[in-house]
């Protein structure tokens, strides 16, 4: 058997073998000291050195410095002992670029077993190594990003059915559940019951279609405490576009939400205070407006009683007295209705079609006595045409009261005292203009006039919230409040859409 193998090997021409390798591999031959004695054209092409530049040199010429000294020490120890060495080497070309080769170095032996030369057979693996390095760098970056994500966010990964597969420590900390208690469950384990079914139906509809969902969610921890998270859910889709997993990245916004709640409470308190301040100013007028018709109605009832006692009742006279009494009662009801609407919190009321004409008329009814006492003339125009707006009636009523009261207060100490209320509209909008006889707002106050807690009234006579509340109400109605700077007098313009846009 051994003789047969020797016979086959003896029939192989070394030059033929070298020629075959020359077509497929990068070849180099060195003497026992590592001095290059032969290179093929592929070696020259890859290293960018000519044959003359390489012959007589060692491989230090293309040393990239990438490998530590121990690398080559181990390589030389292997081949010097007569063994074949295999490995990947990073070299440097003449232009300074790096390239990688998969190398096999074969010791060529004399008949007595001594080494006479080394044949290095290499293959260019630069592209493969670049891909590997890019992948390695990407994995490293992903690892760092994951660490950063875990350090700053609440993270959970679920399968396509919403079953939790991974949670980080921050998820456990805020939910007060352990990983073992969360893995394998759905997020229903932390459902607070705050959000309706439609909220989660819409969320699942979004992410199951492959889109990112963002929103704020109120959850319930293991100890029954509540917490809020700002949530982004990202679907990971397969080749067909169907989500296979979802990653939820959350931030704890509990403190922010609690602050918002406190601010809303303060806003409600401020609104109530502002209303009460306005109502205090209107009390005298309301008492007068109710007192006059009550007195008149009592007088007519006494006349009716007197006629009845005479037993000489005139039907037409009785009818006239009763009609007048009914009219007075209707007027008082109107005033009371307006007062009740204005005094309550209407922020939760539905938006309904409302006659701005009737609203202005009602407000002027229970404001009239204040104007009379202060000697302020009130002029109204635009009531001959109906102006309908989809709104919260009581809130828009508050807007009108604030503007009229402010106008009245602004001119009460002037020699020329008047307030003008004008209604007009176009195809899409209704405009309420309130003008007073004042000379206008000074330039240095125009930017401040709508800001909270800013007031030009003396200390104790205003909260500075009237116009800012008015603006916030109009924002909720998709409307606007502007100061007409072109007017010679102080003129505020309320703009309301006839129909709100969803």
Protein backbone atom coordinates (compact mmCIF):
# COMPACT_ATOMS: atom_id res chain seq x y z
CA UNK A 1 0.00 0.00 0.00
CA UNK A 2 2.77 2.43 0.99
CA UNK A 3 4.71 1.60 -2.13
CA UNK A 4 1.65 2.39 -4.27
CA UNK A 5 1.24 5.83 -2.59
CA UNK A 6 4.91 6.61 -3.14
CA UNK A 7 4.58 5.65 -6.75
CA UNK A 8 1.58 7.95 -7.25
CA UNK A 9 3.34 10.86 -5.52
CA UNK A 10 6.47 10.32 -7.53
CA UNK A 11 4.46 10.72 -10.70
CA UNK A 12 3.27 14.24 -9.68
CA UNK A 13 5.31 17.03 -11.26
CA UNK A 14 5.87 19.81 -8.71
CA UNK A 15 5.91 22.50 -11.37
CA UNK A 16 2.54 21.30 -12.70
CA UNK A 17 1.14 21.46 -9.20
CA UNK A 18 2.54 24.95 -8.71
CA UNK A 19 1.04 26.08 -12.02
CA UNK A 20 -2.39 24.81 -10.98
CA UNK A 21 -2.18 26.66 -7.67
CA UNK A 22 -0.96 29.78 -9.46
CA UNK A 23 -4.34 30.13 -11.19
CA UNK A 24 -6.40 29.79 -8.02
CA UNK A 25 -4.29 31.05 -5.13
CA UNK A 26 -1.93 33.74 -3.92
CA UNK A 27 1.48 32.07 -3.78
CA UNK A 28 4.79 32.91 -2.19
CA UNK A 29 7.90 30.84 -1.44
CA UNK A 30 10.61 31.73 1.05
CA UNK A 31 13.85 30.21 2.16
CA UNK A 32 14.31 28.89 5.67
CA UNK A 33 15.09 32.43 6.90
CA UNK A 34 11.85 33.81 5.50
CA UNK A 35 13.39 35.64 2.55
CA UNK A 36 11.00 35.66 -0.39
CA UNK A 37 12.28 33.69 -3.38
CA UNK A 38 9.08 33.47 -5.43
CA UNK A 39 5.70 35.29 -5.70
CA UNK A 40 2.96 34.84 -8.29
CA UNK A 41 1.03 37.61 -10.05
CA UNK A 42 -1.93 37.31 -7.65
CA UNK A 43 0.41 38.14 -4.75
CA UNK A 44 1.61 41.23 -6.63
CA UNK A 45 -1.92 42.32 -7.55
CA UNK A 46 -3.17 42.08 -3.97
CA UNK A 47 -0.10 43.57 -2.25
CA UNK A 48 0.40 46.22 -4.99
CA UNK A 49 4.15 45.48 -4.94
CA UNK A 50 6.00 44.33 -8.05
CA UNK A 51 7.90 41.05 -8.14
CA UNK A 52 11.22 42.95 -8.04
CA UNK A 53 10.10 44.83 -4.92
CA UNK A 54 9.21 41.57 -3.15
CA UNK A 55 11.96 39.10 -4.12
CA UNK A 56 14.75 39.21 -1.58
CA UNK A 57 12.59 40.81 1.10
CA UNK A 58 10.79 39.21 4.02
CA UNK A 59 7.08 39.38 4.76
CA UNK A 60 7.79 42.26 7.13
CA UNK A 61 7.33 44.41 4.02
CA UNK A 62 3.57 43.74 4.18
CA UNK A 63 3.25 43.51 7.96
CA UNK A 64 0.15 45.51 8.97
CA UNK A 65 0.96 45.71 12.67
CA UNK A 66 -2.45 44.21 13.39
CA UNK A 67 -1.10 41.02 14.98
CA UNK A 68 0.94 40.94 18.21
CA UNK A 69 4.57 39.64 18.10
CA UNK A 70 3.49 36.37 19.74
CA UNK A 71 1.33 35.63 16.70
CA UNK A 72 4.31 35.33 14.35
CA UNK A 73 6.44 33.65 16.99
CA UNK A 74 3.86 30.87 17.20
CA UNK A 75 3.64 30.71 13.37
CA UNK A 76 7.43 30.29 12.98
CA UNK A 77 7.59 27.77 15.79
CA UNK A 78 5.04 25.62 13.97
CA UNK A 79 6.55 25.64 10.48
CA UNK A 80 10.14 25.40 11.75
CA UNK A 81 9.16 22.14 13.45
CA UNK A 82 8.05 20.83 10.04
CA UNK A 83 4.31 21.23 10.64
CA UNK A 84 1.80 22.96 8.41
CA UNK A 85 0.43 26.27 9.81
CA UNK A 86 -3.05 27.55 9.01
CA UNK A 87 -4.60 30.88 9.98
CA UNK A 88 -5.87 34.30 8.92
CA UNK A 89 -3.40 37.18 8.48
CA UNK A 90 -4.04 40.89 8.05
CA UNK A 91 -1.49 42.47 5.70
CA UNK A 92 -0.85 46.00 4.48
CA UNK A 93 -0.64 46.80 0.75
CA UNK A 94 1.75 49.30 -0.78
CA UNK A 95 -0.92 52.06 -0.75
CA UNK A 96 -1.47 51.58 2.99
CA UNK A 97 -4.77 49.70 2.69
CA UNK A 98 -5.32 46.53 4.70
CA UNK A 99 -6.29 43.16 3.32
CA UNK A 100 -6.91 39.75 4.85
CA UNK A 101 -5.72 36.36 3.60
CA UNK A 102 -6.57 32.84 4.69
CA UNK A 103 -3.05 31.31 4.78
CA UNK A 104 -1.63 27.80 4.68
CA UNK A 105 2.16 27.61 5.05
CA UNK A 106 3.70 24.27 4.08
CA UNK A 107 7.31 23.37 4.92
CA UNK A 108 9.07 21.80 1.87
CA UNK A 109 11.46 19.08 3.01
CA UNK A 110 14.67 17.47 1.73
CA UNK A 111 14.89 13.71 1.39
CA UNK A 112 16.65 13.55 4.72
CA UNK A 113 13.72 15.38 6.36
CA UNK A 114 15.37 18.75 6.62
CA UNK A 115 13.42 21.86 5.60
CA UNK A 116 14.63 23.58 2.45
CA UNK A 117 11.84 26.15 1.86
CA UNK A 118 8.31 27.29 2.82
CA UNK A 119 5.37 27.55 0.43
CA UNK A 120 2.59 29.95 1.47
CA UNK A 121 -0.78 29.38 -0.19
CA UNK A 122 -3.24 32.20 0.46
CA UNK A 123 -6.80 33.22 -0.47
CA UNK A 124 -8.18 36.76 -0.30
CA UNK A 125 -10.87 36.94 2.42
CA UNK A 126 -10.90 40.76 2.80
CA UNK A 127 -14.61 41.11 1.94
CA UNK A 128 -15.55 38.30 4.32
CA UNK A 129 -13.48 39.82 7.13
CA UNK A 130 -14.94 43.28 6.51
CA UNK A 131 -18.44 41.82 6.78
CA UNK A 132 -17.43 40.00 9.96
CA UNK A 133 -15.94 43.17 11.42
CA UNK A 134 -19.01 45.20 10.47
CA UNK A 135 -21.20 42.57 12.07
CA UNK A 136 -18.99 42.55 15.16
CA UNK A 137 -19.12 46.33 15.36
CA UNK A 138 -22.88 46.30 14.82
CA UNK A 139 -23.34 43.70 17.56
CA UNK A 140 -21.13 45.77 19.84
CA UNK A 141 -23.12 48.91 19.07
CA UNK A 142 -26.37 47.04 19.60
CA UNK A 143 -25.06 45.75 22.90
CA UNK A 144 -24.13 49.27 23.98
CA UNK A 145 -27.46 50.62 22.78
CA UNK A 146 -29.28 47.89 24.68
CA UNK A 147 -27.32 48.79 27.80
CA UNK A 148 -28.19 52.46 27.33
CA UNK A 149 -31.81 51.57 26.60
CA UNK A 150 -32.05 49.35 29.66
CA UNK A 151 -30.41 52.00 31.82
CA UNK A 152 -32.83 54.77 30.85
CA UNK A 153 -36.05 53.05 29.77
CA UNK A 154 -38.60 50.46 30.79
CA UNK A 155 -38.34 47.72 28.16
CA UNK A 156 -40.46 44.68 27.35
CA UNK A 157 -40.56 42.31 24.37
CA UNK A 158 -43.63 40.23 23.54
CA UNK A 159 -44.49 37.68 20.88
CA UNK A 160 -47.11 38.35 18.21
CA UNK A 161 -49.90 37.47 20.65
CA UNK A 162 -48.69 39.87 23.31
CA UNK A 163 -47.15 37.25 25.60
CA UNK A 164 -44.17 38.74 27.43
CA UNK A 165 -40.81 37.17 26.52
CA UNK A 166 -38.42 39.70 28.05
CA UNK A 167 -38.50 42.52 30.59
CA UNK A 168 -35.62 44.58 31.93
CA UNK A 169 -34.94 45.50 35.55
CA UNK A 170 -36.64 48.89 35.26
CA UNK A 171 -39.88 47.15 34.22
CA UNK A 172 -39.70 45.01 37.34
CA UNK A 173 -38.87 48.00 39.55
CA UNK A 174 -41.83 50.10 38.45
CA UNK A 175 -44.36 47.26 38.21
CA UNK A 176 -43.09 45.58 41.42
CA UNK A 177 -43.42 42.18 39.69
CA UNK A 178 -40.43 39.86 39.31
CA UNK A 179 -39.27 38.62 35.91
CA UNK A 180 -40.65 35.16 36.68
CA UNK A 181 -44.05 36.69 37.43
CA UNK A 182 -44.07 38.63 34.14
CA UNK A 183 -42.50 36.26 31.58
CA UNK A 184 -45.22 34.21 29.93
CA UNK A 185 -48.00 36.64 30.91
CA UNK A 186 -49.62 39.43 28.91
CA UNK A 187 -49.73 43.08 29.89
CA UNK A 188 -53.20 42.52 31.32
CA UNK A 189 -51.31 41.70 34.55
CA UNK A 190 -50.64 45.46 34.93
CA UNK A 191 -53.92 46.73 33.43
CA UNK A 192 -55.23 49.54 35.65
CA UNK A 193 -58.74 49.55 34.20
CA UNK A 194 -58.34 53.27 33.49
CA UNK A 195 -58.45 52.93 29.71
CA UNK A 196 -61.48 51.59 27.87
CA UNK A 197 -61.51 48.61 25.52
CA UNK A 198 -61.41 50.91 22.49
CA UNK A 199 -58.07 52.35 23.64
CA UNK A 200 -56.35 48.95 23.50
CA UNK A 201 -58.30 47.83 20.41
CA UNK A 202 -56.98 50.86 18.51
CA UNK A 203 -53.47 50.23 19.84
CA UNK A 204 -53.47 46.58 18.68
CA UNK A 205 -54.95 47.58 15.33
CA UNK A 206 -52.01 49.94 14.82
CA UNK A 207 -49.15 47.62 15.81
CA UNK A 208 -50.61 44.49 14.19
CA UNK A 209 -50.61 46.40 10.89
CA UNK A 210 -46.87 46.93 11.32
CA UNK A 211 -47.04 50.56 12.42
CA UNK A 212 -45.44 52.14 15.48
CA UNK A 213 -47.84 53.16 18.28
CA UNK A 214 -47.20 55.94 20.75
CA UNK A 215 -49.26 57.04 23.73
CA UNK A 216 -49.56 57.43 27.49
CA UNK A 217 -50.78 54.48 29.56
CA UNK A 218 -51.84 54.25 33.17
CA UNK A 219 -50.78 50.91 34.69
CA UNK A 220 -51.30 49.21 38.04
CA UNK A 221 -48.33 47.83 40.02
CA UNK A 222 -48.36 44.65 42.10
CA UNK A 223 -49.01 46.66 45.30
CA UNK A 224 -52.09 48.25 43.61
CA UNK A 225 -50.39 51.62 43.20
CA UNK A 226 -50.77 53.36 39.85
CA UNK A 227 -48.09 54.67 37.54
CA UNK A 228 -48.07 56.35 34.12
CA UNK A 229 -45.72 55.52 31.24
CA UNK A 230 -45.08 57.28 27.93
CA UNK A 231 -45.04 54.27 25.61
CA UNK A 232 -43.66 53.51 22.14
CA UNK A 233 -44.41 50.05 20.73
CA UNK A 234 -42.37 48.97 17.70
CA UNK A 235 -43.40 45.89 15.64
CA UNK A 236 -40.67 43.57 14.28
CA UNK A 237 -42.03 42.11 11.05
CA UNK A 238 -41.08 39.04 9.03
CA UNK A 239 -40.47 38.95 5.28
CA UNK A 240 -44.20 38.90 4.58
CA UNK A 241 -44.70 42.05 6.65
CA UNK A 242 -46.42 40.35 9.58
CA UNK A 243 -45.27 41.29 13.09
CA UNK A 244 -43.48 38.46 14.90
CA UNK A 245 -42.52 40.40 18.01
CA UNK A 246 -43.19 43.75 19.64
CA UNK A 247 -40.75 45.82 21.66
CA UNK A 248 -42.29 48.31 24.06
CA UNK A 249 -40.08 51.18 25.21
CA UNK A 250 -41.52 53.19 28.07
CA UNK A 251 -40.61 56.16 30.23
CA UNK A 252 -42.01 56.78 33.70
CA UNK A 253 -44.11 59.99 33.57
CA UNK A 254 -45.99 59.49 36.84
CA UNK A 255 -44.61 62.71 38.34
CA UNK A 256 -45.47 64.63 35.17
CA UNK A 257 -49.05 63.33 35.18
CA UNK A 258 -49.46 64.16 38.87
CA UNK A 259 -48.20 67.67 38.15
CA UNK A 260 -50.72 67.97 35.31
CA UNK A 261 -53.49 66.89 37.67
CA UNK A 262 -52.38 69.48 40.23
CA UNK A 263 -52.20 72.17 37.55
CA UNK A 264 -55.71 71.22 36.40
CA UNK A 265 -56.95 71.48 39.98
CA UNK A 266 -55.33 74.88 40.30
CA UNK A 267 -56.84 75.92 36.98
CA UNK A 268 -60.28 74.84 38.14
CA UNK A 269 -59.78 76.73 41.39
CA UNK A 270 -58.62 79.80 39.50
CA UNK A 271 -61.59 79.59 37.14
CA UNK A 272 -63.93 79.28 40.09
CA UNK A 273 -62.26 82.25 41.84
CA UNK A 274 -62.52 84.31 38.68
CA UNK A 275 -66.18 83.44 38.34
CA UNK A 276 -66.87 84.28 41.96
CA UNK A 277 -65.07 87.60 41.56
CA UNK A 278 -67.20 88.40 38.53
CA UNK A 279 -70.35 87.23 40.28
CA UNK A 280 -69.53 89.45 43.22
CA UNK A 281 -69.48 92.43 40.89
CA UNK A 282 -72.76 91.35 39.32
CA UNK A 283 -74.62 90.66 42.58
CA UNK A 284 -76.00 94.18 42.95
CA UNK A 285 -77.18 94.20 39.36
CA UNK A 286 -78.80 90.78 39.68
CA UNK A 287 -80.58 91.81 42.91
CA UNK A 288 -81.88 94.91 41.18
CA UNK A 289 -82.89 93.03 38.04
CA UNK A 290 -84.81 90.46 40.07
CA UNK A 291 -86.14 93.01 42.60
CA UNK A 292 -87.73 95.28 40.00
CA UNK A 293 -89.78 92.61 38.21
CA UNK A 294 -90.74 91.02 41.54
CA UNK A 295 -92.03 94.37 42.81
CA UNK A 296 -93.83 95.04 39.57
CA UNK A 297 -95.35 91.58 39.55
CA UNK A 298 -96.53 91.98 43.17
CA UNK A 299 -98.20 95.28 42.24
CA UNK A 300 -100.01 93.69 39.33
CA UNK A 301 -101.13 90.79 41.49
CA UNK A 302 -102.49 93.26 44.08
CA UNK A 303 -104.37 95.06 41.32
CA UNK A 304 -105.77 91.74 40.17
CA UNK A 305 -106.83 90.93 43.75
CA UNK A 306 -108.42 94.37 44.07
CA UNK A 307 -110.38 93.84 40.86
CA UNK A 308 -111.50 90.44 42.08
CA UNK A 309 -112.67 91.90 45.43
CA UNK A 310 -114.80 94.45 43.59
CA UNK A 311 -116.45 91.54 41.81
CA UNK A 312 -116.31 93.71 38.79
CA UNK A 313 -113.60 91.84 36.86
CA UNK A 314 -112.84 93.06 33.37
CA UNK A 315 -111.55 90.04 31.36
CA UNK A 316 -109.29 92.11 29.12
CA UNK A 317 -107.73 93.91 32.06
CA UNK A 318 -107.15 90.61 33.89
CA UNK A 319 -105.61 89.11 30.77
CA UNK A 320 -103.28 92.08 30.36
CA UNK A 321 -102.21 91.91 34.01
CA UNK A 322 -101.54 88.18 33.79
CA UNK A 323 -99.57 88.47 30.54
CA UNK A 324 -97.39 91.17 32.05
CA UNK A 325 -96.82 89.05 35.14
CA UNK A 326 -95.86 86.05 33.00
CA UNK A 327 -93.45 88.24 31.05
CA UNK A 328 -91.82 89.40 34.28
CA UNK A 329 -91.54 85.80 35.51
CA UNK A 330 -89.95 84.77 32.20
CA UNK A 331 -87.46 87.58 32.53
CA UNK A 332 -86.47 86.47 36.05
CA UNK A 333 -86.15 82.86 34.87
CA UNK A 334 -83.90 84.01 32.08
CA UNK A 335 -81.66 85.88 34.52
CA UNK A 336 -81.53 82.93 36.93
CA UNK A 337 -80.77 80.51 34.10
CA UNK A 338 -77.91 82.67 32.88
CA UNK A 339 -76.55 83.01 36.41
CA UNK A 340 -76.69 79.25 37.05
CA UNK A 341 -75.00 78.47 33.73
CA UNK A 342 -72.23 80.95 34.33
CA UNK A 343 -71.55 79.90 37.93
CA UNK A 344 -70.88 76.20 37.29
CA UNK A 345 -67.94 74.32 35.73
CA UNK A 346 -68.92 73.64 32.13
CA UNK A 347 -65.65 72.12 30.89
CA UNK A 348 -67.29 68.70 30.64
CA UNK A 349 -70.41 69.89 28.80
CA UNK A 350 -71.10 68.58 25.29
CA UNK A 351 -70.75 70.89 22.31
CA UNK A 352 -74.22 71.88 21.05
CA UNK A 353 -75.67 74.36 18.58
CA UNK A 354 -76.08 77.61 20.50
CA UNK A 355 -77.53 80.99 19.60
CA UNK A 356 -74.89 83.62 20.33
CA UNK A 357 -77.67 86.22 20.02
CA UNK A 358 -79.58 84.72 22.96
CA UNK A 359 -76.37 84.25 24.96
CA UNK A 360 -75.39 87.92 24.59
CA UNK A 361 -78.94 89.07 25.40
CA UNK A 362 -79.12 86.94 28.56
CA UNK A 363 -75.72 88.17 29.80
CA UNK A 364 -76.64 91.80 29.17
CA UNK A 365 -79.90 91.27 31.11
CA UNK A 366 -78.14 90.44 34.35
CA UNK A 367 -75.27 92.88 33.70
CA UNK A 368 -77.43 95.91 32.94
CA UNK A 369 -77.70 97.22 36.49
CA UNK A 370 -73.90 97.28 36.84
CA UNK A 371 -73.66 99.39 33.69
CA UNK A 372 -76.42 101.69 34.98
CA UNK A 373 -74.73 102.22 38.35
CA UNK A 374 -71.40 103.02 36.71
CA UNK A 375 -72.99 105.23 34.08
CA UNK A 376 -71.71 103.11 31.21
CA UNK A 377 -73.75 103.10 28.02
CA UNK A 378 -74.04 99.75 26.25
CA UNK A 379 -74.64 99.49 22.51
CA UNK A 380 -75.45 96.18 20.84
CA UNK A 381 -75.59 95.46 17.11
CA UNK A 382 -75.90 92.38 14.94
CA UNK A 383 -78.78 90.76 16.85
CA UNK A 384 -81.11 91.05 13.85
CA UNK A 385 -79.33 88.08 12.20
CA UNK A 386 -79.14 84.68 13.92
CA UNK A 387 -75.59 83.53 14.73
CA UNK A 388 -75.33 79.84 15.61
CA UNK A 389 -72.16 78.17 16.94
CA UNK A 390 -71.37 74.62 18.04
CA UNK A 391 -70.00 75.25 21.53
CA UNK A 392 -70.25 74.78 25.28
CA UNK A 393 -72.78 77.49 26.01
CA UNK A 394 -71.72 78.22 29.59
CA UNK A 395 -68.03 78.49 28.68
CA UNK A 396 -68.65 80.87 25.79
CA UNK A 397 -70.95 82.77 28.14
CA UNK A 398 -68.02 83.15 30.53
CA UNK A 399 -65.89 84.50 27.67
CA UNK A 400 -68.49 87.17 26.89
CA UNK A 401 -68.96 88.09 30.58
CA UNK A 402 -65.20 88.45 31.07
CA UNK A 403 -64.82 90.72 28.05
CA UNK A 404 -67.86 92.86 28.91
CA UNK A 405 -66.86 93.20 32.57
CA UNK A 406 -63.28 94.10 31.62
CA UNK A 407 -64.58 96.73 29.20
CA UNK A 408 -66.90 98.16 31.85
CA UNK A 409 -64.13 98.29 34.49
CA UNK A 410 -61.73 99.91 32.00
CA UNK A 411 -64.02 102.92 31.32
CA UNK A 412 -65.81 103.41 34.66
CA UNK A 413 -63.51 106.30 35.67
CA UNK A 414 -63.50 108.04 32.29
CA UNK A 415 -65.66 110.99 31.31
CA UNK A 416 -66.83 109.20 28.15
CA UNK A 417 -68.11 105.77 29.22
CA UNK A 418 -69.47 103.31 26.69
CA UNK A 419 -69.15 99.67 25.63
CA UNK A 420 -70.14 98.32 22.23
CA UNK A 421 -70.92 94.64 21.54
CA UNK A 422 -71.13 93.65 17.87
CA UNK A 423 -72.04 90.31 16.33
CA UNK A 424 -71.25 89.36 12.73
CA UNK A 425 -70.41 86.23 10.75
CA UNK A 426 -69.23 84.81 7.47
CA UNK A 427 -69.71 81.39 5.91
CA UNK A 428 -67.67 79.48 8.50
CA UNK A 429 -67.18 81.74 11.51
CA UNK A 430 -68.96 83.98 14.01
CA UNK A 431 -67.26 87.09 15.41
CA UNK A 432 -68.01 88.76 18.75
CA UNK A 433 -66.42 92.19 19.03
CA UNK A 434 -66.30 94.02 22.36
CA UNK A 435 -65.10 97.63 22.14
CA UNK A 436 -64.88 100.18 24.94
CA UNK A 437 -64.28 103.92 24.98
CA UNK A 438 -60.78 103.44 26.35
CA UNK A 439 -57.77 104.62 24.30
CA UNK A 440 -56.44 101.08 23.73
CA UNK A 441 -53.80 98.86 25.32
CA UNK A 442 -50.31 100.41 25.62
CA UNK A 443 -47.67 98.78 23.40
CA UNK A 444 -45.62 97.55 26.37
CA UNK A 445 -48.63 95.63 27.72
CA UNK A 446 -49.94 94.05 24.51
CA UNK A 447 -47.73 90.95 24.78
CA UNK A 448 -48.53 90.47 28.47
CA UNK A 449 -52.28 91.05 28.44
CA UNK A 450 -53.22 87.41 27.68
CA UNK A 451 -50.73 85.83 30.09
CA UNK A 452 -51.95 84.25 33.36
CA UNK A 453 -51.87 86.41 36.50
CA UNK A 454 -51.19 89.62 34.60
CA UNK A 455 -53.66 92.38 35.41
CA UNK A 456 -53.82 96.16 35.13
CA UNK A 457 -56.41 96.35 37.93
CA UNK A 458 -55.44 97.52 41.42
CA UNK A 459 -54.34 94.89 43.95
CA UNK A 460 -57.32 92.93 45.23
CA UNK A 461 -59.58 93.86 42.32
CA UNK A 462 -58.55 91.19 39.82
CA UNK A 463 -56.85 87.79 39.61
CA UNK A 464 -55.18 88.36 36.26
CA UNK A 465 -56.75 85.15 34.95
CA UNK A 466 -59.79 86.46 33.08
CA UNK A 467 -58.23 86.90 29.64
CA UNK A 468 -55.93 83.87 29.93
CA UNK A 469 -58.93 81.67 30.87
CA UNK A 470 -60.87 83.23 28.01
CA UNK A 471 -58.05 82.33 25.63
CA UNK A 472 -57.84 78.73 26.92
CA UNK A 473 -61.62 78.30 26.51
CA UNK A 474 -61.44 79.59 22.95
CA UNK A 475 -58.47 77.30 22.19
CA UNK A 476 -60.64 74.35 23.25
CA UNK A 477 -63.34 75.64 20.89
CA UNK A 478 -60.82 75.96 18.02
CA UNK A 479 -61.38 79.70 18.21
CA UNK A 480 -59.20 82.77 18.75
CA UNK A 481 -59.02 85.90 20.86
CA UNK A 482 -57.24 88.88 19.33
CA UNK A 483 -56.66 92.49 20.19
CA UNK A 484 -57.56 94.72 17.26
CA UNK A 485 -54.53 96.98 17.14
CA UNK A 486 -55.98 98.97 14.26
CA UNK A 487 -58.86 100.22 16.42
CA UNK A 488 -58.55 103.66 18.04
CA UNK A 489 -60.28 102.24 21.13
CA UNK A 490 -59.71 99.01 23.09
CA UNK A 491 -61.27 96.29 20.98
CA UNK A 492 -61.16 92.53 21.54
CA UNK A 493 -62.37 90.17 18.82
CA UNK A 494 -63.60 86.64 19.54
CA UNK A 495 -63.56 84.30 16.55
CA UNK A 496 -65.54 81.03 16.77
CA UNK A 497 -66.01 78.37 14.07
CA UNK A 498 -69.64 77.56 13.39
CA UNK A 499 -68.75 73.86 13.30
CA UNK A 500 -65.83 72.29 15.15
CA UNK A 501 -63.43 70.01 13.31
CA UNK A 502 -62.74 66.58 14.84
